[in-house]
Amino acid sequence: MQLFEKFKIVGVFPALYWPEQEMVVISDLHLGLEGLLAQSGIMMPHFQLDALKEELQAIFEETAASTLLINGDVKHEFSRTSFSERNEILELLQCVLQYVDEVYIVKGNHDNYIYYAVQEYPEVLLEDYFLIDDVLFMHGHLELDLTLENVDFRYIIIGNEHPAISLQDEVGVKAKVPCFLYGPLDIESGRRIIVLPSISKLSSGADMNDVFEGDFLSPILQRIDVGKLQAIGLADELLEFPAIERLRG
């Protein structure tokens, strides 16, 4: 399915493909989360990295990508890059660079000290944001400051929010599916926004049909009418929903 005229959802994966740039875009990996949970006494098998590598292999095989852009939160620990996180980041990059020539990483709010984990790779570009043609990539945890508001972009792509839609059948069984959000950033300028779902297998996502303006994590979403955005859910097939305001109870 195509979002606007530039971007395609890859299969039923939480990934966008920008054919013009041969670029795959993902967000919110949160590598190292299992290790952090173990430190808190919550024991679970370490499966997320292997699952991510398998998913990325399928994504690259379905596209002609030469570049991967990770739109923030590669790792999970806020204050530092743990030994296990660094190893997982390096293992991920070794896998990814078998398929693409470059990796762009947007620094998210969890990505403190990530520079020390990626500095040995000249193929990895690390910035607070990237402006490529008329597309602005930001993680979404920071405001659009005045400098960026004057940047000539038509599209902004963010992560951070981990959007999902909650569904309930006629007998009351509930399910949550991750989703893309897309629509107008503001009417006057004609700018448009896409909010990426998390690619992490440990992220349940935030219910977009149960969150209202002012309660969003991203200050960018706090200042726009999210109710006007549409959602594309990711299940066994793509689920096309109406505007968020029509899904709220």
Protein backbone atom coordinates (compact mmCIF):
# COMPACT_ATOMS: atom_id res chain seq x y z
CA MET A 1 0.00 0.00 0.00
CA GLN A 2 1.22 3.49 -0.86
CA LEU A 3 1.21 6.42 1.57
CA PHE A 4 0.98 9.69 -0.31
CA GLU A 5 2.79 9.53 -3.63
CA LYS A 6 6.27 8.71 -2.34
CA PHE A 7 6.24 5.87 0.17
CA LYS A 8 5.14 2.25 0.21
CA ILE A 9 4.48 -0.03 3.16
CA VAL A 10 6.64 -3.13 2.70
CA GLY A 11 4.33 -6.16 2.78
CA VAL A 12 2.78 -6.26 6.26
CA PHE A 13 6.02 -5.17 7.94
CA PRO A 14 6.46 -2.02 10.09
CA ALA A 15 8.69 -0.57 7.38
CA LEU A 16 8.39 2.06 4.67
CA TYR A 17 10.12 1.96 1.31
CA TRP A 18 10.99 5.12 -0.62
CA PRO A 19 11.66 3.84 -4.17
CA GLU A 20 13.10 7.12 -5.44
CA GLN A 21 15.89 6.90 -2.84
CA GLU A 22 16.03 3.09 -2.67
CA MET A 23 15.58 3.56 1.08
CA VAL A 24 13.91 1.41 3.75
CA VAL A 25 12.76 3.30 6.85
CA ILE A 26 12.12 1.68 10.26
CA SER A 27 11.91 2.99 13.81
CA ASP A 28 12.08 2.11 17.51
CA LEU A 29 14.13 -1.09 17.68
CA HIS A 30 14.85 -0.84 21.43
CA LEU A 31 17.71 -3.33 21.32
CA GLY A 32 18.86 -4.53 24.72
CA LEU A 33 15.42 -4.41 26.31
CA GLU A 34 15.52 -8.08 27.33
CA GLY A 35 18.78 -7.48 29.21
CA LEU A 36 17.34 -4.49 31.03
CA LEU A 37 14.28 -6.50 32.01
CA ALA A 38 16.56 -9.26 33.33
CA GLN A 39 18.32 -6.72 35.54
CA SER A 40 14.89 -5.88 36.97
CA GLY A 41 14.22 -9.53 37.75
CA ILE A 42 12.02 -10.22 34.72
CA MET A 43 13.56 -13.17 32.93
CA MET A 44 12.72 -13.81 29.29
CA PRO A 45 14.53 -15.38 26.35
CA HIS A 46 16.64 -13.10 24.15
CA PHE A 47 14.80 -13.34 20.85
CA GLN A 48 14.30 -9.78 19.65
CA LEU A 49 17.57 -9.34 17.71
CA ASP A 50 17.23 -12.62 15.81
CA ALA A 51 13.61 -11.82 14.96
CA LEU A 52 14.61 -8.36 13.77
CA LYS A 53 17.39 -9.70 11.54
CA GLU A 54 14.99 -12.20 9.95
CA GLU A 55 12.40 -9.48 9.37
CA LEU A 56 14.93 -7.10 7.85
CA GLN A 57 16.20 -9.82 5.53
CA ALA A 58 12.63 -10.33 4.27
CA ILE A 59 12.16 -6.57 3.90
CA PHE A 60 15.37 -6.16 1.89
CA GLU A 61 14.50 -9.13 -0.32
CA GLU A 62 11.14 -7.50 -1.10
CA THR A 63 12.69 -4.16 -2.06
CA ALA A 64 15.60 -2.81 -4.05
CA ALA A 65 16.97 -0.93 -1.04
CA SER A 66 20.53 0.35 -0.98
CA THR A 67 20.01 2.42 2.20
CA LEU A 68 18.43 1.81 5.59
CA LEU A 69 17.25 4.72 7.74
CA ILE A 70 16.55 3.96 11.40
CA ASN A 71 14.37 6.77 12.71
CA GLY A 72 15.46 6.68 16.34
CA ASP A 73 15.64 4.48 19.42
CA VAL A 74 18.03 1.87 18.13
CA LYS A 75 18.74 0.94 21.75
CA HIS A 76 16.68 0.95 24.92
CA GLU A 77 18.81 2.07 27.88
CA PHE A 78 18.51 5.86 28.41
CA SER A 79 21.63 6.71 30.36
CA ARG A 80 24.35 4.67 28.69
CA THR A 81 25.11 2.03 26.09
CA SER A 82 25.45 -1.24 27.94
CA PHE A 83 27.86 -3.98 26.87
CA SER A 84 24.97 -6.17 25.65
CA GLU A 85 23.39 -3.26 23.75
CA ARG A 86 26.68 -2.46 22.01
CA ASN A 87 27.08 -6.09 20.96
CA GLU A 88 23.52 -6.23 19.64
CA ILE A 89 23.97 -2.97 17.69
CA LEU A 90 27.19 -4.25 16.11
CA GLU A 91 25.60 -7.58 15.24
CA LEU A 92 22.65 -5.79 13.66
CA LEU A 93 24.89 -3.52 11.58
CA GLN A 94 26.99 -6.46 10.39
CA CYS A 95 23.78 -8.13 9.20
CA VAL A 96 22.29 -5.02 7.59
CA LEU A 97 25.45 -4.04 5.73
CA GLN A 98 25.30 -7.31 3.84
CA TYR A 99 22.23 -5.88 2.06
CA VAL A 100 22.65 -2.09 1.94
CA ASP A 101 25.52 0.32 1.34
CA GLU A 102 24.63 2.95 3.94
CA VAL A 103 22.75 3.20 7.22
CA TYR A 104 21.32 6.52 8.41
CA ILE A 105 20.54 6.68 12.14
CA VAL A 106 18.40 9.45 13.61
CA LYS A 107 19.21 9.84 17.30
CA GLY A 108 16.18 9.11 19.48
CA ASN A 109 15.67 9.85 23.15
CA HIS A 110 17.00 6.37 24.04
CA ASP A 111 20.13 6.74 21.90
CA ASN A 112 22.49 8.47 24.32
CA TYR A 113 26.11 7.43 23.74
CA ILE A 114 25.20 5.39 20.66
CA TYR A 115 28.04 7.14 18.80
CA TYR A 116 30.57 4.93 20.59
CA ALA A 117 28.81 1.80 19.30
CA VAL A 118 28.69 2.87 15.63
CA GLN A 119 31.81 5.03 15.19
CA GLU A 120 33.86 2.21 13.63
CA TYR A 121 31.46 2.00 10.69
CA PRO A 122 32.06 4.71 8.04
CA GLU A 123 28.91 3.51 6.29
CA VAL A 124 26.79 4.68 9.26
CA LEU A 125 25.67 8.32 9.38
CA LEU A 126 24.39 9.53 12.77
CA GLU A 127 22.48 12.82 13.11
CA ASP A 128 19.68 14.43 15.13
CA TYR A 129 17.63 14.63 11.94
CA PHE A 130 17.99 14.14 8.19
CA LEU A 131 16.49 16.28 5.44
CA ILE A 132 16.52 14.33 2.18
CA ASP A 133 14.92 16.15 -0.74
CA ASP A 134 11.62 17.39 0.72
CA VAL A 135 11.38 14.72 3.46
CA LEU A 136 12.36 15.49 7.06
CA PHE A 137 13.18 12.52 9.29
CA MET A 138 13.03 13.15 13.06
CA HIS A 139 12.49 10.72 15.89
CA GLY A 140 9.63 12.80 17.28
CA HIS A 141 10.64 13.30 20.91
CA LEU A 142 11.66 16.93 20.30
CA GLU A 143 9.68 19.96 19.23
CA LEU A 144 9.82 21.25 15.69
CA ASP A 145 11.89 24.29 16.65
CA LEU A 146 11.91 27.50 14.69
CA THR A 147 15.00 26.49 12.70
CA LEU A 148 13.38 23.30 11.47
CA GLU A 149 10.04 24.96 10.87
CA ASN A 150 11.80 27.14 8.30
CA VAL A 151 13.36 24.13 6.58
CA ASP A 152 11.76 23.54 3.21
CA PHE A 153 10.12 20.14 3.71
CA ARG A 154 6.82 18.75 2.53
CA TYR A 155 6.79 15.52 4.53
CA ILE A 156 7.89 14.73 8.06
CA ILE A 157 8.37 11.13 9.20
CA ILE A 158 8.63 10.39 12.92
CA GLY A 159 8.62 7.43 15.30
CA ASN A 160 8.61 7.62 19.12
CA GLU A 161 4.85 7.17 19.61
CA HIS A 162 4.58 3.42 18.82
CA PRO A 163 1.07 3.83 17.37
CA ALA A 164 -1.41 0.96 17.50
CA ILE A 165 -5.15 0.41 17.15
CA SER A 166 -7.19 -1.59 19.66
CA LEU A 167 -9.88 -3.84 18.20
CA GLN A 168 -12.69 -5.68 19.96
CA ASP A 169 -14.97 -8.35 18.50
CA GLU A 170 -18.64 -8.95 19.25
CA VAL A 171 -17.89 -11.18 22.27
CA GLY A 172 -15.47 -8.69 23.82
CA VAL A 173 -12.14 -10.23 22.82
CA LYS A 174 -9.58 -7.47 22.39
CA ALA A 175 -6.54 -7.29 20.17
CA LYS A 176 -4.01 -4.59 19.48
CA VAL A 177 -2.35 -4.12 16.10
CA PRO A 178 0.55 -1.76 15.35
CA CYS A 179 -0.24 0.85 12.75
CA PHE A 180 1.08 3.63 10.57
CA LEU A 181 -0.53 7.04 10.94
CA TYR A 182 -0.57 9.47 8.04
CA GLY A 183 -2.28 12.68 7.05
CA PRO A 184 -1.95 16.48 7.31
CA LEU A 185 0.66 18.05 9.57
CA ASP A 186 -1.15 21.34 9.05
CA ILE A 187 -3.68 22.46 6.49
CA GLU A 188 -2.19 25.88 5.71
CA SER A 189 1.24 24.72 4.55
CA GLY A 190 0.14 21.44 2.95
CA ARG A 191 2.82 19.58 4.90
CA ARG A 192 2.11 15.93 5.69
CA ILE A 193 3.16 13.55 8.42
CA ILE A 194 3.77 9.80 8.73
CA VAL A 195 4.14 8.20 12.17
CA LEU A 196 5.96 4.87 12.05
CA PRO A 197 5.04 1.87 14.21
CA SER A 198 7.75 0.32 16.35
CA ILE A 199 9.55 -2.63 14.78
CA SER A 200 10.32 -4.00 18.25
CA LYS A 201 8.63 -7.31 19.08
CA LEU A 202 8.41 -6.20 22.71
CA SER A 203 6.42 -3.04 22.06
CA SER A 204 2.67 -3.38 22.44
CA GLY A 205 2.09 0.14 21.17
CA ALA A 206 -0.04 3.07 22.32
CA ASP A 207 -3.78 2.90 21.56
CA MET A 208 -4.45 5.73 19.13
CA ASN A 209 -8.21 5.26 19.53
CA ASP A 210 -7.85 5.77 23.29
CA VAL A 211 -5.35 8.66 23.40
CA PHE A 212 -6.37 12.27 23.04
CA GLU A 213 -4.55 15.51 22.23
CA GLY A 214 -2.25 16.48 25.07
CA ASP A 215 -1.57 12.87 26.07
CA PHE A 216 0.74 11.97 23.20
CA LEU A 217 4.43 11.32 23.88
CA SER A 218 5.58 13.34 20.90
CA PRO A 219 5.35 17.13 21.21
CA ILE A 220 4.84 17.17 17.44
CA LEU A 221 1.64 15.16 17.79
CA GLN A 222 0.54 17.26 20.77
CA ARG A 223 0.32 20.31 18.53
CA ILE A 224 -1.60 18.84 15.57
CA ASP A 225 -5.08 17.37 15.09
CA VAL A 226 -4.26 13.67 15.32
CA GLY A 227 -7.94 12.86 14.93
CA LYS A 228 -7.61 13.79 11.24
CA LEU A 229 -4.87 11.21 10.64
CA GLN A 230 -5.70 7.84 9.13
CA ALA A 231 -4.33 4.49 10.31
CA ILE A 232 -3.05 1.45 8.44
CA GLY A 233 -2.93 -1.57 10.75
CA LEU A 234 -0.46 -4.43 10.42
CA ALA A 235 -1.91 -7.91 10.88
CA ASP A 236 -2.02 -10.89 8.52
CA GLU A 237 -2.97 -8.25 5.97
CA LEU A 238 -3.00 -4.46 5.91
CA LEU A 239 -6.06 -3.03 7.66
CA GLU A 240 -7.17 0.34 6.33
CA PHE A 241 -8.98 2.40 8.98
CA PRO A 242 -10.83 5.70 8.74
CA ALA A 243 -9.66 8.85 10.50
CA ILE A 244 -8.68 8.34 14.16
CA GLU A 245 -11.51 10.62 15.35
CA ARG A 246 -14.01 8.08 14.01
CA LEU A 247 -12.41 5.22 15.96
CA ARG A 248 -12.66 6.83 19.37
CA GLY A 249 -15.35 5.73 21.78
